Amino acid sequence: MTLINLKTYMLGTFLGIIPLSLTYAWLGAAGKQALSGGDRLPLVLALTMFSGLSILPVAWRKRGGGRGEGGMGNE
């Protein structure tokens, strides 16, 4: 089905999905707290983390860490 082995797939999934999923959950909880009149600092930190994780792939590719146009290697 694919040329990617299971270990590479699992590592890519962990590094690509888990951090943003945790950040989304944190952002939702912090947003609810801020809208309820609570502390806004966790919301600012969650937004900063979300922004940083969102920009990371672009910065990685500009730095030369990407593997080509599609990101899948040289097919």
N, C-alpha and C. Protein backbone atom coordinates (compact mmCIF):
# COMPACT_ATOMS: atom_id res chain seq x y z
N MET A 1 0.81 -1.19 0.00
CA MET A 1 0.00 0.00 0.00
C MET A 1 0.85 1.26 0.00
N THR A 2 1.91 1.28 0.80
CA THR A 2 2.75 2.47 0.89
C THR A 2 4.20 2.05 1.09
N LEU A 3 5.09 2.94 0.72
CA LEU A 3 6.51 2.67 0.88
C LEU A 3 7.03 3.09 2.26
N ILE A 4 6.19 3.72 3.05
CA ILE A 4 6.59 4.17 4.39
C ILE A 4 6.45 3.02 5.36
N ASN A 5 7.54 2.74 6.12
CA ASN A 5 7.45 1.65 7.09
C ASN A 5 6.68 2.11 8.34
N LEU A 6 6.26 1.17 9.14
CA LEU A 6 5.41 1.45 10.29
C LEU A 6 6.09 2.36 11.31
N LYS A 7 7.37 2.15 11.56
CA LYS A 7 8.09 2.97 12.55
C LYS A 7 8.11 4.44 12.11
N THR A 8 8.40 4.69 10.85
CA THR A 8 8.43 6.06 10.33
C THR A 8 7.04 6.68 10.37
N TYR A 9 6.04 5.90 10.02
CA TYR A 9 4.66 6.38 10.05
C TYR A 9 4.24 6.77 11.47
N MET A 10 4.55 5.92 12.43
CA MET A 10 4.17 6.20 13.82
C MET A 10 4.92 7.42 14.37
N LEU A 11 6.20 7.54 14.05
CA LEU A 11 6.97 8.69 14.50
C LEU A 11 6.42 9.97 13.87
N GLY A 12 6.13 9.94 12.59
CA GLY A 12 5.56 11.10 11.91
C GLY A 12 4.20 11.49 12.48
N THR A 13 3.39 10.50 12.78
CA THR A 13 2.09 10.76 13.37
C THR A 13 2.25 11.39 14.75
N PHE A 14 3.13 10.83 15.55
CA PHE A 14 3.35 11.37 16.90
C PHE A 14 3.84 12.81 16.84
N LEU A 15 4.84 13.07 16.01
CA LEU A 15 5.42 14.41 15.94
C LEU A 15 4.52 15.41 15.22
N GLY A 16 3.67 14.92 14.32
CA GLY A 16 2.85 15.81 13.51
C GLY A 16 1.46 16.07 14.06
N ILE A 17 0.91 15.13 14.80
CA ILE A 17 -0.48 15.26 15.23
C ILE A 17 -0.61 15.52 16.73
N ILE A 18 0.13 14.80 17.53
CA ILE A 18 -0.03 14.88 18.99
C ILE A 18 0.21 16.29 19.54
N PRO A 19 1.30 16.99 19.17
CA PRO A 19 1.51 18.32 19.75
C PRO A 19 0.37 19.30 19.46
N LEU A 20 -0.12 19.33 18.22
CA LEU A 20 -1.21 20.25 17.91
C LEU A 20 -2.51 19.82 18.56
N SER A 21 -2.73 18.52 18.69
CA SER A 21 -3.95 18.06 19.36
C SER A 21 -3.96 18.50 20.82
N LEU A 22 -2.84 18.36 21.48
CA LEU A 22 -2.75 18.81 22.88
C LEU A 22 -2.91 20.33 22.98
N THR A 23 -2.35 21.04 22.01
CA THR A 23 -2.46 22.50 22.01
C THR A 23 -3.90 22.93 21.77
N TYR A 24 -4.62 22.26 20.86
CA TYR A 24 -6.03 22.56 20.64
C TYR A 24 -6.84 22.37 21.92
N ALA A 25 -6.60 21.28 22.61
CA ALA A 25 -7.32 21.02 23.85
C ALA A 25 -7.02 22.09 24.90
N TRP A 26 -5.74 22.45 25.02
CA TRP A 26 -5.33 23.48 25.97
C TRP A 26 -5.96 24.82 25.59
N LEU A 27 -5.98 25.14 24.29
CA LEU A 27 -6.56 26.39 23.81
C LEU A 27 -8.05 26.45 24.15
N GLY A 28 -8.76 25.35 23.97
CA GLY A 28 -10.18 25.33 24.30
C GLY A 28 -10.43 25.52 25.79
N ALA A 29 -9.67 24.84 26.61
CA ALA A 29 -9.84 24.96 28.06
C ALA A 29 -9.47 26.37 28.54
N ALA A 30 -8.38 26.91 28.01
CA ALA A 30 -7.95 28.25 28.41
C ALA A 30 -8.93 29.30 27.91
N GLY A 31 -9.47 29.11 26.71
CA GLY A 31 -10.46 30.04 26.18
C GLY A 31 -11.73 30.05 27.01
N LYS A 32 -12.17 28.87 27.41
CA LYS A 32 -13.37 28.78 28.25
C LYS A 32 -13.14 29.48 29.58
N GLN A 33 -11.96 29.27 30.15
CA GLN A 33 -11.61 29.92 31.42
C GLN A 33 -11.59 31.44 31.26
N ALA A 34 -10.99 31.93 30.18
CA ALA A 34 -10.90 33.38 29.96
C ALA A 34 -12.28 33.99 29.72
N LEU A 35 -13.14 33.28 28.97
CA LEU A 35 -14.49 33.79 28.71
C LEU A 35 -15.37 33.77 29.96
N SER A 36 -15.02 32.93 30.92
CA SER A 36 -15.77 32.85 32.17
C SER A 36 -15.30 33.90 33.18
N GLY A 37 -14.38 34.75 32.75
CA GLY A 37 -13.89 35.80 33.64
C GLY A 37 -12.64 35.40 34.40
N GLY A 38 -12.04 34.28 34.03
CA GLY A 38 -10.84 33.81 34.71
C GLY A 38 -9.58 34.46 34.16
N ASP A 39 -8.47 33.89 34.53
CA ASP A 39 -7.15 34.39 34.12
C ASP A 39 -6.97 34.24 32.62
N ARG A 40 -6.39 35.26 31.98
CA ARG A 40 -6.17 35.24 30.53
C ARG A 40 -4.77 34.74 30.14
N LEU A 41 -3.87 34.65 31.10
CA LEU A 41 -2.51 34.23 30.79
C LEU A 41 -2.45 32.85 30.14
N PRO A 42 -3.19 31.85 30.63
CA PRO A 42 -3.15 30.55 29.94
C PRO A 42 -3.61 30.63 28.49
N LEU A 43 -4.58 31.50 28.20
CA LEU A 43 -5.05 31.67 26.83
C LEU A 43 -3.95 32.27 25.95
N VAL A 44 -3.26 33.27 26.47
CA VAL A 44 -2.16 33.88 25.72
C VAL A 44 -1.05 32.86 25.48
N LEU A 45 -0.73 32.07 26.49
CA LEU A 45 0.31 31.04 26.33
C LEU A 45 -0.12 29.97 25.32
N ALA A 46 -1.39 29.57 25.37
CA ALA A 46 -1.89 28.57 24.43
C ALA A 46 -1.87 29.11 23.00
N LEU A 47 -2.25 30.36 22.82
CA LEU A 47 -2.21 30.97 21.49
C LEU A 47 -0.78 31.09 20.98
N THR A 48 0.14 31.41 21.87
CA THR A 48 1.55 31.48 21.50
C THR A 48 2.08 30.11 21.08
N MET A 49 1.72 29.08 21.84
CA MET A 49 2.13 27.72 21.50
C MET A 49 1.53 27.29 20.16
N PHE A 50 0.25 27.59 19.96
CA PHE A 50 -0.41 27.24 18.71
C PHE A 50 0.26 27.94 17.53
N SER A 51 0.57 29.22 17.69
CA SER A 51 1.23 29.97 16.62
C SER A 51 2.60 29.40 16.32
N GLY A 52 3.35 29.09 17.36
CA GLY A 52 4.69 28.53 17.17
C GLY A 52 4.66 27.19 16.46
N LEU A 53 3.75 26.32 16.86
CA LEU A 53 3.65 25.01 16.22
C LEU A 53 3.14 25.12 14.79
N SER A 54 2.32 26.12 14.51
CA SER A 54 1.80 26.32 13.16
C SER A 54 2.88 26.85 12.21
N ILE A 55 3.77 27.66 12.73
CA ILE A 55 4.83 28.26 11.91
C ILE A 55 6.02 27.30 11.74
N LEU A 56 6.16 26.36 12.65
CA LEU A 56 7.30 25.45 12.64
C LEU A 56 7.53 24.74 11.29
N PRO A 57 6.52 24.16 10.65
CA PRO A 57 6.78 23.50 9.36
C PRO A 57 7.28 24.44 8.27
N VAL A 58 6.76 25.66 8.25
CA VAL A 58 7.20 26.64 7.26
C VAL A 58 8.66 27.01 7.52
N ALA A 59 9.00 27.26 8.77
CA ALA A 59 10.38 27.60 9.12
C ALA A 59 11.32 26.44 8.81
N TRP A 60 10.88 25.23 9.07
CA TRP A 60 11.69 24.04 8.80
C TRP A 60 12.00 23.93 7.31
N ARG A 61 10.98 24.13 6.49
CA ARG A 61 11.17 24.02 5.04
C ARG A 61 12.06 25.14 4.51
N LYS A 62 11.87 26.38 5.02
CA LYS A 62 12.72 27.49 4.57
C LYS A 62 14.18 27.27 4.99
N ARG A 63 14.38 26.60 6.12
CA ARG A 63 15.72 26.32 6.60
C ARG A 63 16.40 25.26 5.75
N GLY A 64 15.63 24.54 4.98
CA GLY A 64 16.21 23.50 4.14
C GLY A 64 15.97 22.10 4.68
N GLY A 65 15.11 21.97 5.66
CA GLY A 65 14.84 20.67 6.27
C GLY A 65 13.81 19.85 5.52
N GLY A 66 13.11 20.47 4.55
CA GLY A 66 12.08 19.73 3.79
C GLY A 66 12.72 18.78 2.80
N ARG A 67 11.90 17.85 2.30
CA ARG A 67 12.41 16.87 1.35
C ARG A 67 11.86 17.09 -0.05
N GLY A 68 11.70 18.30 -0.44
CA GLY A 68 11.18 18.55 -1.77
C GLY A 68 9.81 19.19 -1.72
N GLU A 69 9.24 19.34 -2.89
CA GLU A 69 7.98 20.04 -3.02
C GLU A 69 6.85 19.39 -2.25
N GLY A 70 6.69 18.09 -2.38
CA GLY A 70 5.59 17.40 -1.72
C GLY A 70 5.92 16.92 -0.33
N GLY A 71 7.16 16.98 0.08
CA GLY A 71 7.54 16.55 1.40
C GLY A 71 7.69 15.04 1.55
N MET A 72 7.59 14.28 0.46
CA MET A 72 7.63 12.84 0.54
C MET A 72 8.95 12.25 0.04
N GLY A 73 9.86 13.07 -0.30
CA GLY A 73 11.14 12.55 -0.79
C GLY A 73 11.26 12.75 -2.28
N ASN A 74 12.25 12.19 -2.86
CA ASN A 74 12.49 12.33 -4.30
C ASN A 74 11.92 11.14 -5.04
N GLU A 75 10.65 11.21 -5.42
CA GLU A 75 10.04 10.12 -6.16
C GLU A 75 10.33 10.24 -7.62
